[in-house]
Structures are given as structure tokens and as C-alpha cells.
Amino acid sequence: MYKLLFYFVVAIHHLGLWGFIVSVPLIIIKEPPWVSLPLLAWILYLGFSKVLDCPFTRLENWIRRKLGLPEIKTFLKHYYFGRKQND
């Protein structure tokens, strides 16, 4: 049961991240600058600061502990930037 929940949480996390990434250009195109610039600054601040801990990452780490898997520090580093191929 935890394994299925784990895959579901990881999939939702990926979809949410990519939805967020796709929404940024749409905000720039559709909204006037006095709306889009503060919104984008807030998004960047939350994304790159350590002020907030992502609830999906906390949930994933809780499930990882239940499954006996190692915890991750950040979602982006683990799934997108952390794995290097040794050729």
C-alpha cells in the first residue's frame, strides 16, 4: 500500500512542478506587468529560498521512511540534478 502511495505522491509532485513551470510564461503573457512581476518574484522567492518546506517532499520522506528508503533533501536535486551518469 505504501509503495502505491509513494508512486502516486511522486507523480503528483512531478505534475505540480511542471504545471508551475508552464504557468510562469502564461502569467507573463496574460497578465499586465504590475500583476505578473510581483507574482513571479514571489514564486521565485518561495522556490529558491529555504523559508518553506515543501509538503510533498515531507510526505515523500515520510513514505520513504515507512518503506525503508533513504530520505531526499530536495525534490529537484534528487530527481532532476542529482543523478550523474558515469561513462
Protein backbone atom coordinates (compact mmCIF):
# COMPACT_ATOMS: atom_id res chain seq x y z
CA MET A 1 0.00 0.00 0.00
CA TYR A 2 2.81 2.43 0.86
CA LYS A 3 4.56 1.66 -2.42
CA LEU A 4 1.46 2.65 -4.41
CA LEU A 5 1.09 5.81 -2.32
CA PHE A 6 4.78 6.56 -2.90
CA TYR A 7 4.39 6.39 -6.69
CA PHE A 8 1.24 8.49 -6.55
CA VAL A 9 2.90 11.22 -4.46
CA VAL A 10 5.98 11.31 -6.74
CA ALA A 11 3.77 11.53 -9.86
CA ILE A 12 1.64 14.33 -8.39
CA HIS A 13 4.81 16.15 -7.31
CA HIS A 14 6.21 15.98 -10.87
CA LEU A 15 2.91 17.14 -12.38
CA GLY A 16 2.66 20.03 -9.93
CA LEU A 17 6.22 21.11 -10.63
CA TRP A 18 5.76 21.06 -14.40
CA GLY A 19 2.41 22.81 -14.11
CA PHE A 20 4.12 25.51 -12.12
CA ILE A 21 6.90 25.82 -14.72
CA VAL A 22 4.40 26.04 -17.60
CA SER A 23 2.31 28.63 -15.77
CA VAL A 24 5.15 31.16 -15.46
CA PRO A 25 5.27 32.11 -19.18
CA LEU A 26 1.47 32.20 -19.24
CA ILE A 27 1.44 34.67 -16.35
CA ILE A 28 3.91 36.89 -18.24
CA ILE A 29 1.85 36.75 -21.45
CA LYS A 30 -1.65 37.07 -19.99
CA GLU A 31 -1.24 39.49 -17.09
CA PRO A 32 -0.09 43.11 -17.01
CA PRO A 33 3.37 43.79 -15.54
CA TRP A 34 2.04 45.19 -12.23
CA VAL A 35 0.39 41.83 -11.63
CA SER A 36 2.90 39.42 -13.17
CA LEU A 37 6.15 40.86 -11.75
CA PRO A 38 5.19 40.65 -8.06
CA LEU A 39 3.69 37.19 -8.65
CA LEU A 40 6.83 35.93 -10.37
CA ALA A 41 9.07 37.43 -7.69
CA TRP A 42 7.02 35.65 -5.03
CA ILE A 43 7.18 32.34 -6.94
CA LEU A 44 10.96 32.61 -7.33
CA TYR A 45 11.41 33.55 -3.68
CA LEU A 46 9.40 30.57 -2.47
CA GLY A 47 11.05 28.22 -4.94
CA PHE A 48 14.66 29.07 -4.16
CA SER A 49 14.60 30.06 -0.50
CA LYS A 50 14.60 27.77 2.49
CA VAL A 51 11.67 29.63 4.08
CA LEU A 52 9.08 26.97 3.29
CA ASP A 53 9.48 23.25 3.39
CA CYS A 54 7.61 21.57 0.53
CA PRO A 55 4.72 19.50 1.92
CA PHE A 56 5.06 16.94 -0.89
CA THR A 57 8.74 16.42 -0.06
CA ARG A 58 7.85 15.94 3.61
CA LEU A 59 5.14 13.45 2.63
CA GLU A 60 7.51 11.62 0.30
CA ASN A 61 10.15 11.39 3.03
CA TRP A 62 7.56 10.03 5.48
CA ILE A 63 6.59 7.32 2.97
CA ARG A 64 10.27 6.64 2.23
CA ARG A 65 10.88 6.05 5.96
CA LYS A 66 7.95 3.60 6.06
CA LEU A 67 9.39 1.75 3.02
CA GLY A 68 12.96 1.75 4.38
CA LEU A 69 14.26 4.00 1.58
CA PRO A 70 16.71 6.87 2.14
CA GLU A 71 15.21 10.32 2.54
CA ILE A 72 15.73 13.07 -0.03
CA LYS A 73 16.79 16.64 0.75
CA THR A 74 15.14 18.40 -2.18
CA PHE A 75 12.91 17.13 -4.95
CA LEU A 76 14.71 18.94 -7.77
CA LYS A 77 18.18 17.80 -6.73
CA HIS A 78 17.07 14.21 -6.27
CA TYR A 79 15.03 13.71 -9.44
CA TYR A 80 16.49 16.23 -11.90
CA PHE A 81 20.00 17.31 -10.91
CA GLY A 82 21.34 14.69 -8.50
CA ARG A 83 21.89 11.68 -10.71
CA LYS A 84 25.04 11.67 -12.80
CA GLN A 85 25.89 9.04 -15.36
CA ASN A 86 29.42 7.66 -15.21
CA ASP A 87 30.51 6.69 -18.69
